[in-house]
Protein backbone atom coordinates (compact mmCIF):
# COMPACT_ATOMS: atom_id res chain seq x y z
CA MET A 1 -65.99 12.26 -22.58
CA LYS A 2 -64.05 15.50 -22.84
CA THR A 3 -63.28 15.33 -19.14
CA LEU A 4 -61.94 11.77 -19.53
CA LYS A 5 -59.79 12.86 -22.49
CA ASN A 6 -58.33 15.76 -20.52
CA TYR A 7 -57.68 13.40 -17.60
CA MET A 8 -55.78 10.97 -19.86
CA ILE A 9 -53.72 13.81 -21.31
CA LEU A 10 -52.83 14.94 -17.78
CA ILE A 11 -51.79 11.41 -16.79
CA LEU A 12 -49.59 11.03 -19.89
CA ALA A 13 -47.97 14.41 -19.27
CA PHE A 14 -47.26 13.44 -15.66
CA MET A 15 -45.73 10.12 -16.76
CA ALA A 16 -43.52 11.90 -19.30
CA LEU A 17 -42.37 14.33 -16.62
CA ASN A 18 -41.50 11.46 -14.27
CA ILE A 19 -39.59 9.64 -17.01
CA SER A 20 -37.49 12.71 -17.85
CA THR A 21 -36.85 13.42 -14.15
CA ALA A 22 -35.94 9.80 -13.47
CA GLN A 23 -33.08 10.05 -15.94
CA ASN A 24 -31.20 12.46 -13.69
CA ILE A 25 -28.40 10.82 -11.72
CA GLU A 26 -27.92 12.41 -8.34
CA ASN A 27 -25.45 12.26 -5.44
CA ILE A 28 -22.41 11.66 -7.66
CA ASP A 29 -19.08 12.02 -5.83
CA LYS A 30 -16.70 11.87 -8.83
CA ILE A 31 -17.01 12.07 -12.59
CA ALA A 32 -14.21 10.94 -14.91
CA ALA A 33 -13.61 12.14 -18.45
CA PHE A 34 -15.32 10.32 -21.29
CA HIS A 35 -13.29 7.57 -22.90
CA GLU A 36 -14.62 5.39 -25.71
CA GLY A 37 -18.00 7.04 -25.25
CA LEU A 38 -18.36 6.20 -21.55
CA ALA A 39 -17.51 8.08 -18.36
CA ALA A 40 -17.02 6.53 -14.95
CA VAL A 41 -19.09 8.03 -12.12
CA LYS A 42 -18.63 7.32 -8.43
CA GLN A 43 -21.25 7.11 -5.73
CA GLY A 44 -19.89 6.21 -2.30
CA ASP A 45 -17.57 3.24 -2.80
CA ARG A 46 -19.20 2.14 -6.05
CA TRP A 47 -18.52 3.02 -9.68
CA GLY A 48 -20.80 2.96 -12.71
CA PHE A 49 -20.68 4.28 -16.27
CA ILE A 50 -22.79 6.77 -18.20
CA ASN A 51 -22.90 7.43 -21.93
CA GLU A 52 -22.71 10.82 -23.64
CA ALA A 53 -26.50 11.15 -23.44
CA GLY A 54 -26.25 11.02 -19.65
CA THR A 55 -27.85 7.58 -19.44
CA MET A 56 -26.60 5.07 -16.88
CA VAL A 57 -25.45 2.14 -19.00
CA ILE A 58 -23.59 0.20 -16.27
CA ASP A 59 -25.09 0.43 -12.81
CA PHE A 60 -23.00 1.17 -9.74
CA ARG A 61 -20.88 -1.78 -8.63
CA THR A 62 -18.06 -2.44 -6.16
CA ASP A 63 -15.78 -4.59 -8.32
CA VAL A 64 -14.57 -1.94 -10.79
CA TYR A 65 -10.79 -1.57 -10.60
CA ILE A 66 -9.44 1.92 -9.95
CA PRO A 67 -5.85 2.39 -11.17
CA HIS A 68 -3.45 4.39 -9.02
CA ASN A 69 -3.93 8.14 -9.51
CA GLY A 70 -6.64 7.53 -12.07
CA HIS A 71 -10.22 6.51 -12.79
CA PRO A 72 -11.81 3.37 -14.22
CA LYS A 73 -12.16 3.43 -17.97
CA PHE A 74 -12.80 1.21 -20.95
CA ASN A 75 -10.07 0.28 -23.40
CA ASP A 76 -10.96 -1.74 -26.50
CA GLY A 77 -14.44 -2.12 -25.03
CA TYR A 78 -13.20 -3.85 -21.84
CA CYS A 79 -12.77 -2.54 -18.29
CA LEU A 80 -10.79 -4.14 -15.48
CA ILE A 81 -12.64 -5.61 -12.49
CA PHE A 82 -11.38 -7.42 -9.41
CA GLU A 83 -12.50 -10.02 -6.90
CA GLU A 84 -11.13 -10.84 -3.46
CA LYS A 85 -10.70 -14.57 -2.82
CA GLU A 86 -9.48 -15.45 0.68
CA GLY A 87 -7.82 -12.04 0.89
CA ILE A 88 -6.06 -12.33 -2.48
CA THR A 89 -7.03 -10.06 -5.37
CA PHE A 90 -7.74 -11.50 -8.81
CA PHE A 91 -8.46 -9.48 -11.96
CA GLY A 92 -10.83 -9.91 -14.89
CA TYR A 93 -12.81 -7.80 -17.37
CA ILE A 94 -16.33 -6.59 -18.16
CA ASN A 95 -17.68 -5.32 -21.48
CA THR A 96 -19.64 -2.12 -22.14
CA LYS A 97 -22.86 -3.88 -21.11
CA GLY A 98 -21.43 -4.67 -17.69
CA GLU A 99 -21.17 -8.37 -18.51
CA VAL A 100 -18.20 -10.33 -17.15
CA VAL A 101 -16.37 -11.46 -20.28
CA ILE A 102 -13.19 -12.68 -18.56
CA LYS A 103 -13.77 -13.81 -14.99
CA PRO A 104 -11.35 -12.59 -12.29
CA GLU A 105 -8.61 -15.23 -12.45
CA TYR A 106 -5.38 -13.28 -12.87
CA LEU A 107 -3.01 -12.03 -10.16
CA ALA A 108 -2.24 -8.95 -12.27
CA ALA A 109 -3.59 -7.58 -15.54
CA THR A 110 -3.28 -4.57 -17.82
CA SER A 111 -5.95 -2.79 -19.81
CA PHE A 112 -6.53 -4.04 -23.35
CA GLU A 113 -4.86 -2.24 -26.22
CA ASN A 114 -5.07 -3.28 -29.87
CA GLY A 115 -6.99 -6.36 -28.73
CA LEU A 116 -4.29 -7.61 -26.35
CA ALA A 117 -3.46 -7.43 -22.63
CA GLN A 118 -0.72 -8.73 -20.35
CA VAL A 119 -1.69 -10.90 -17.37
CA ILE A 120 -0.15 -12.94 -14.57
CA LYS A 121 -1.70 -16.43 -14.48
CA HIS A 122 -1.48 -18.61 -11.38
CA TYR A 123 -0.92 -22.39 -11.48
CA VAL A 124 -1.13 -25.01 -8.73
CA THR A 125 0.85 -28.26 -9.01
CA GLU A 126 0.67 -31.16 -6.56
CA THR A 127 4.12 -32.33 -5.50
CA GLY A 128 2.99 -35.79 -4.43
CA ASN A 129 4.24 -35.16 -0.89
CA THR A 130 2.36 -34.41 2.34
CA ASN A 131 3.26 -32.29 5.34
CA ALA A 132 3.31 -33.28 9.03
CA LEU A 133 -0.46 -32.81 9.21
CA GLY A 134 -1.04 -35.10 6.27
CA LYS A 135 -2.06 -32.32 3.91
CA LYS A 136 -0.92 -32.43 0.30
CA ILE A 137 1.97 -30.13 -0.48
CA VAL A 138 1.38 -28.01 -3.58
CA LYS A 139 3.65 -25.74 -5.56
CA HIS A 140 2.47 -22.31 -6.71
CA THR A 141 3.88 -20.80 -9.89
CA TYR A 142 2.89 -18.07 -12.31
CA ASN A 143 3.47 -17.13 -15.93
CA GLU A 144 3.31 -13.74 -17.55
CA LEU A 145 1.21 -14.01 -20.70
CA VAL A 146 -0.35 -11.95 -23.46
CA ILE A 147 -4.02 -12.79 -23.98
CA ASP A 148 -6.61 -11.72 -26.54
CA LYS A 149 -10.19 -10.58 -25.91
CA TYR A 150 -11.38 -14.20 -26.02
CA ASN A 151 -9.06 -15.00 -23.10
CA LYS A 152 -6.78 -17.07 -25.31
CA THR A 153 -3.01 -17.05 -24.76
CA VAL A 154 -1.27 -15.27 -27.63
CA GLN A 155 2.27 -15.21 -26.24
CA HIS A 156 4.17 -16.62 -23.26
CA ILE A 157 6.37 -13.86 -21.86
CA ARG A 158 8.08 -15.42 -18.85
CA GLY A 159 7.73 -18.12 -16.23
CA PRO A 160 7.07 -20.36 -14.55
CA VAL A 161 8.10 -18.37 -11.47
CA ASN A 162 7.78 -19.96 -8.02
CA PHE A 163 6.04 -17.94 -5.31
CA LEU A 164 4.04 -18.24 -2.09
CA LEU A 165 0.30 -17.78 -2.42
CA GLU A 166 -0.06 -16.20 1.01
CA ILE A 167 -1.39 -12.76 1.89
CA ASN A 168 1.69 -11.64 3.83
CA ALA A 169 4.07 -12.91 1.15
CA LEU A 170 2.08 -11.27 -1.64
CA GLN A 171 1.99 -7.95 0.20
CA LYS A 172 5.79 -7.95 0.32
CA ASN A 173 6.46 -9.40 -3.12
CA SER A 174 3.40 -9.59 -5.34
CA PRO A 175 3.78 -10.81 -8.94
CA ARG A 176 4.25 -7.84 -11.27
CA ILE A 177 3.90 -7.42 -14.99
CA LEU A 178 7.37 -6.63 -16.32
CA SER A 179 6.56 -6.35 -20.01
CA THR A 180 5.53 -3.30 -22.03
CA PHE A 181 4.25 -3.01 -25.58
CA ILE A 182 6.58 -0.78 -27.60
CA ALA A 183 4.80 -1.50 -30.91
CA PRO A 184 1.65 -3.48 -31.79
CA LYS A 185 3.73 -6.67 -32.28
CA LEU A 186 6.75 -5.91 -30.09
CA ILE A 187 7.17 -6.26 -26.32
CA ALA A 188 10.04 -5.07 -24.14
CA LEU A 189 10.57 -7.35 -21.13
CA HIS A 190 12.48 -5.89 -18.18
CA THR A 191 14.77 -8.70 -17.00
CA ASN A 192 16.24 -9.43 -13.56
CA ASN A 193 19.69 -8.10 -14.48
CA ASP A 194 18.14 -4.70 -15.33
CA THR A 195 18.32 -5.17 -19.08
CA PHE A 196 15.55 -5.62 -21.65
CA THR A 197 14.59 -8.43 -23.97
CA ILE A 198 12.67 -7.60 -27.14
CA ILE A 199 9.95 -10.17 -27.83
CA LYS A 200 8.19 -10.46 -31.18
CA LEU A 201 4.59 -11.63 -30.97
CA LYS A 202 3.71 -14.73 -32.93
CA ASP A 203 1.56 -14.20 -36.02
């Protein structure tokens, strides 16, 4: 009986050792600073997130958006993700559980701040005409909007703007977000004549 008890103690000790060892995360290529309690870590071409206890809370994935000269991070509990559709990039958001809360549907998007983000939303309108091959001719437009964390439009900023939804055209002239929050309820919109328009958000 004593031998069996010692054997069980040995097994439990071994399991505890394995559990503590398994929590180590190895082969990390980059580690970002903590922001909102989470830090982005890179392994190969994938990014995940750890908490301040060193636990992996969002597993490595390939759709996390990396801003220019920066690292992925959460703002207001949301992080930008992207998805390629026929060579065109669309943006959405995940929450701190790694769940997609706003599917990738925007041609451009900012991080959330004070519960709001700016996005470029794409629209397709049938013209009623057909081309020489008999295919329906459609018109592509976009609007710049402010959305909340429930993906509801809070404010229309500009648009509709006509554009070509083609890879080559988008590479040369992709839709850009031209607005900037200057206060929680105020937006400065950079206009085409190089001036600014101050927009007050609706209550």
